[in-house]
Amino acid sequence: MMLAFYIDKLFDYLPDYTIDGVTIRRSATPYFGMELNLTI
């Protein structure tokens, strides 16, 4: 049995920026995944 776990975008830095006086705040949602392989 093998188990794999991964996390994507955990430490993704997206800076805020301003366009025409409007501040745009960006964020990234981390993605969690798991894979399980079972051999009989």
PDB file of N, CA and C in Angstrom:
ATOM      1  N   MET A   1       0.849  -1.173   0.000  1.00  0.00           N
ATOM      2  CA  MET A   1       0.000   0.000   0.000  1.00  0.00           C
ATOM      3  C   MET A   1       0.894   1.235   0.000  1.00  0.00           C
ATOM      4  N   MET A   2       0.584   2.170  -0.833  1.00  0.00           N
ATOM      5  CA  MET A   2       1.327   3.434  -0.890  1.00  0.00           C
ATOM      6  C   MET A   2       0.345   4.592  -0.746  1.00  0.00           C
ATOM      7  N   LEU A   3       0.754   5.594  -0.009  1.00  0.00           N
ATOM      8  CA  LEU A   3      -0.081   6.763   0.218  1.00  0.00           C
ATOM      9  C   LEU A   3       0.722   8.004  -0.137  1.00  0.00           C
ATOM     10  N   ALA A   4       0.141   8.889  -0.930  1.00  0.00           N
ATOM     11  CA  ALA A   4       0.792  10.142  -1.312  1.00  0.00           C
ATOM     12  C   ALA A   4      -0.137  11.300  -0.953  1.00  0.00           C
ATOM     13  N   PHE A   5       0.435  12.372  -0.434  1.00  0.00           N
ATOM     14  CA  PHE A   5      -0.317  13.557  -0.042  1.00  0.00           C
ATOM     15  C   PHE A   5       0.409  14.771  -0.576  1.00  0.00           C
ATOM     16  N   TYR A   6      -0.315  15.709  -1.140  1.00  0.00           N
ATOM     17  CA  TYR A   6       0.330  16.904  -1.671  1.00  0.00           C
ATOM     18  C   TYR A   6      -0.516  18.142  -1.412  1.00  0.00           C
ATOM     19  N   ILE A   7       0.165  19.265  -1.340  1.00  0.00           N
ATOM     20  CA  ILE A   7      -0.471  20.565  -1.151  1.00  0.00           C
ATOM     21  C   ILE A   7       0.084  21.498  -2.214  1.00  0.00           C
ATOM     22  N   ASP A   8      -0.800  22.158  -2.944  1.00  0.00           N
ATOM     23  CA  ASP A   8      -0.402  23.097  -3.983  1.00  0.00           C
ATOM     24  C   ASP A   8      -0.858  24.496  -3.573  1.00  0.00           C
ATOM     25  N   LYS A   9      -0.055  25.487  -3.856  1.00  0.00           N
ATOM     26  CA  LYS A   9      -0.342  26.899  -3.567  1.00  0.00           C
ATOM     27  C   LYS A   9      -0.408  27.195  -2.067  1.00  0.00           C
ATOM     28  N   LEU A  10       0.372  26.490  -1.263  1.00  0.00           N
ATOM     29  CA  LEU A  10       0.358  26.730   0.181  1.00  0.00           C
ATOM     30  C   LEU A  10       1.022  28.066   0.515  1.00  0.00           C
ATOM     31  N   PHE A  11       2.149  28.369  -0.126  1.00  0.00           N
ATOM     32  CA  PHE A  11       2.877  29.607   0.136  1.00  0.00           C
ATOM     33  C   PHE A  11       2.897  30.496  -1.102  1.00  0.00           C
ATOM     34  N   ASP A  12       1.751  30.675  -1.739  1.00  0.00           N
ATOM     35  CA  ASP A  12       1.649  31.491  -2.944  1.00  0.00           C
ATOM     36  C   ASP A  12       1.482  32.948  -2.531  1.00  0.00           C
ATOM     37  N   TYR A  13       2.421  33.806  -2.938  1.00  0.00           N
ATOM     38  CA  TYR A  13       2.366  35.221  -2.570  1.00  0.00           C
ATOM     39  C   TYR A  13       1.783  36.014  -3.726  1.00  0.00           C
ATOM     40  N   LEU A  14       0.631  36.599  -3.508  1.00  0.00           N
ATOM     41  CA  LEU A  14      -0.019  37.435  -4.509  1.00  0.00           C
ATOM     42  C   LEU A  14      -0.162  38.842  -3.930  1.00  0.00           C
ATOM     43  N   PRO A  15       0.659  39.792  -4.357  1.00  0.00           N
ATOM     44  CA  PRO A  15       0.613  41.139  -3.766  1.00  0.00           C
ATOM     45  C   PRO A  15      -0.649  41.903  -4.178  1.00  0.00           C
ATOM     46  N   ASP A  16      -1.069  42.815  -3.314  1.00  0.00           N
ATOM     47  CA  ASP A  16      -2.160  43.721  -3.643  1.00  0.00           C
ATOM     48  C   ASP A  16      -1.635  44.757  -4.634  1.00  0.00           C
ATOM     49  N   TYR A  17      -2.515  45.270  -5.476  1.00  0.00           N
ATOM     50  CA  TYR A  17      -2.109  46.335  -6.388  1.00  0.00           C
ATOM     51  C   TYR A  17      -3.245  47.327  -6.534  1.00  0.00           C
ATOM     52  N   THR A  18      -2.917  48.524  -6.997  1.00  0.00           N
ATOM     53  CA  THR A  18      -3.884  49.608  -7.109  1.00  0.00           C
ATOM     54  C   THR A  18      -3.998  50.055  -8.560  1.00  0.00           C
ATOM     55  N   ILE A  19      -5.243  50.147  -9.038  1.00  0.00           N
ATOM     56  CA  ILE A  19      -5.529  50.659 -10.379  1.00  0.00           C
ATOM     57  C   ILE A  19      -6.570  51.763 -10.244  1.00  0.00           C
ATOM     58  N   ASP A  20      -6.213  52.964 -10.675  1.00  0.00           N
ATOM     59  CA  ASP A  20      -7.125  54.128 -10.632  1.00  0.00           C
ATOM     60  C   ASP A  20      -7.709  54.343  -9.245  1.00  0.00           C
ATOM     61  N   GLY A  21      -6.904  54.181  -8.210  1.00  0.00           N
ATOM     62  CA  GLY A  21      -7.339  54.420  -6.848  1.00  0.00           C
ATOM     63  C   GLY A  21      -8.108  53.273  -6.207  1.00  0.00           C
ATOM     64  N   VAL A  22      -8.290  52.176  -6.918  1.00  0.00           N
ATOM     65  CA  VAL A  22      -8.999  51.011  -6.387  1.00  0.00           C
ATOM     66  C   VAL A  22      -7.968  49.933  -6.070  1.00  0.00           C
ATOM     67  N   THR A  23      -7.954  49.480  -4.819  1.00  0.00           N
ATOM     68  CA  THR A  23      -7.009  48.443  -4.401  1.00  0.00           C
ATOM     69  C   THR A  23      -7.589  47.066  -4.691  1.00  0.00           C
ATOM     70  N   ILE A  24      -6.835  46.264  -5.409  1.00  0.00           N
ATOM     71  CA  ILE A  24      -7.234  44.903  -5.748  1.00  0.00           C
ATOM     72  C   ILE A  24      -6.461  43.959  -4.830  1.00  0.00           C
ATOM     73  N   ARG A  25      -7.180  43.158  -4.048  1.00  0.00           N
ATOM     74  CA  ARG A  25      -6.552  42.194  -3.151  1.00  0.00           C
ATOM     75  C   ARG A  25      -6.750  40.807  -3.735  1.00  0.00           C
ATOM     76  N   ARG A  26      -5.627  40.127  -3.979  1.00  0.00           N
ATOM     77  CA  ARG A  26      -5.689  38.785  -4.555  1.00  0.00           C
ATOM     78  C   ARG A  26      -5.342  37.760  -3.490  1.00  0.00           C
ATOM     79  N   SER A  27      -5.935  36.598  -3.610  1.00  0.00           N
ATOM     80  CA  SER A  27      -5.621  35.518  -2.681  1.00  0.00           C
ATOM     81  C   SER A  27      -5.647  34.193  -3.435  1.00  0.00           C
ATOM     82  N   ALA A  28      -4.910  33.236  -2.922  1.00  0.00           N
ATOM     83  CA  ALA A  28      -4.876  31.898  -3.514  1.00  0.00           C
ATOM     84  C   ALA A  28      -5.364  30.893  -2.485  1.00  0.00           C
ATOM     85  N   THR A  29      -6.233  30.019  -2.904  1.00  0.00           N
ATOM     86  CA  THR A  29      -6.742  28.973  -2.028  1.00  0.00           C
ATOM     87  C   THR A  29      -5.880  27.727  -2.190  1.00  0.00           C
ATOM     88  N   PRO A  30      -5.322  27.220  -1.100  1.00  0.00           N
ATOM     89  CA  PRO A  30      -4.503  26.009  -1.225  1.00  0.00           C
ATOM     90  C   PRO A  30      -5.333  24.815  -1.682  1.00  0.00           C
ATOM     91  N   TYR A  31      -4.702  23.937  -2.424  1.00  0.00           N
ATOM     92  CA  TYR A  31      -5.357  22.729  -2.920  1.00  0.00           C
ATOM     93  C   TYR A  31      -4.702  21.527  -2.263  1.00  0.00           C
ATOM     94  N   PHE A  32      -5.489  20.708  -1.633  1.00  0.00           N
ATOM     95  CA  PHE A  32      -4.997  19.508  -0.951  1.00  0.00           C
ATOM     96  C   PHE A  32      -5.442  18.286  -1.745  1.00  0.00           C
ATOM     97  N   GLY A  33      -4.560  17.324  -1.866  1.00  0.00           N
ATOM     98  CA  GLY A  33      -4.908  16.109  -2.589  1.00  0.00           C
ATOM     99  C   GLY A  33      -4.268  14.897  -1.946  1.00  0.00           C
ATOM    100  N   MET A  34      -4.845  13.726  -2.220  1.00  0.00           N
ATOM    101  CA  MET A  34      -4.308  12.487  -1.677  1.00  0.00           C
ATOM    102  C   MET A  34      -4.517  11.389  -2.710  1.00  0.00           C
ATOM    103  N   GLU A  35      -3.557  10.498  -2.779  1.00  0.00           N
ATOM    104  CA  GLU A  35      -3.649   9.346  -3.673  1.00  0.00           C
ATOM    105  C   GLU A  35      -3.316   8.100  -2.862  1.00  0.00           C
ATOM    106  N   LEU A  36      -4.110   7.078  -3.029  1.00  0.00           N
ATOM    107  CA  LEU A  36      -3.894   5.817  -2.325  1.00  0.00           C
ATOM    108  C   LEU A  36      -3.828   4.705  -3.359  1.00  0.00           C
ATOM    109  N   ASN A  37      -2.707   3.981  -3.373  1.00  0.00           N
ATOM    110  CA  ASN A  37      -2.516   2.839  -4.261  1.00  0.00           C
ATOM    111  C   ASN A  37      -2.480   1.578  -3.425  1.00  0.00           C
ATOM    112  N   LEU A  38      -3.321   0.618  -3.778  1.00  0.00           N
ATOM    113  CA  LEU A  38      -3.403  -0.639  -3.058  1.00  0.00           C
ATOM    114  C   LEU A  38      -3.129  -1.783  -4.029  1.00  0.00           C
ATOM    115  N   THR A  39      -2.140  -2.591  -3.712  1.00  0.00           N
ATOM    116  CA  THR A  39      -1.795  -3.749  -4.546  1.00  0.00           C
ATOM    117  C   THR A  39      -2.121  -5.024  -3.776  1.00  0.00           C
ATOM    118  N   ILE A  40      -2.861  -5.885  -4.439  1.00  0.00           N
ATOM    119  CA  ILE A  40      -3.250  -7.146  -3.791  1.00  0.00           C
ATOM    120  C   ILE A  40      -2.402  -8.281  -4.355  1.00  0.00           C
TER     121      ILE A  40
END
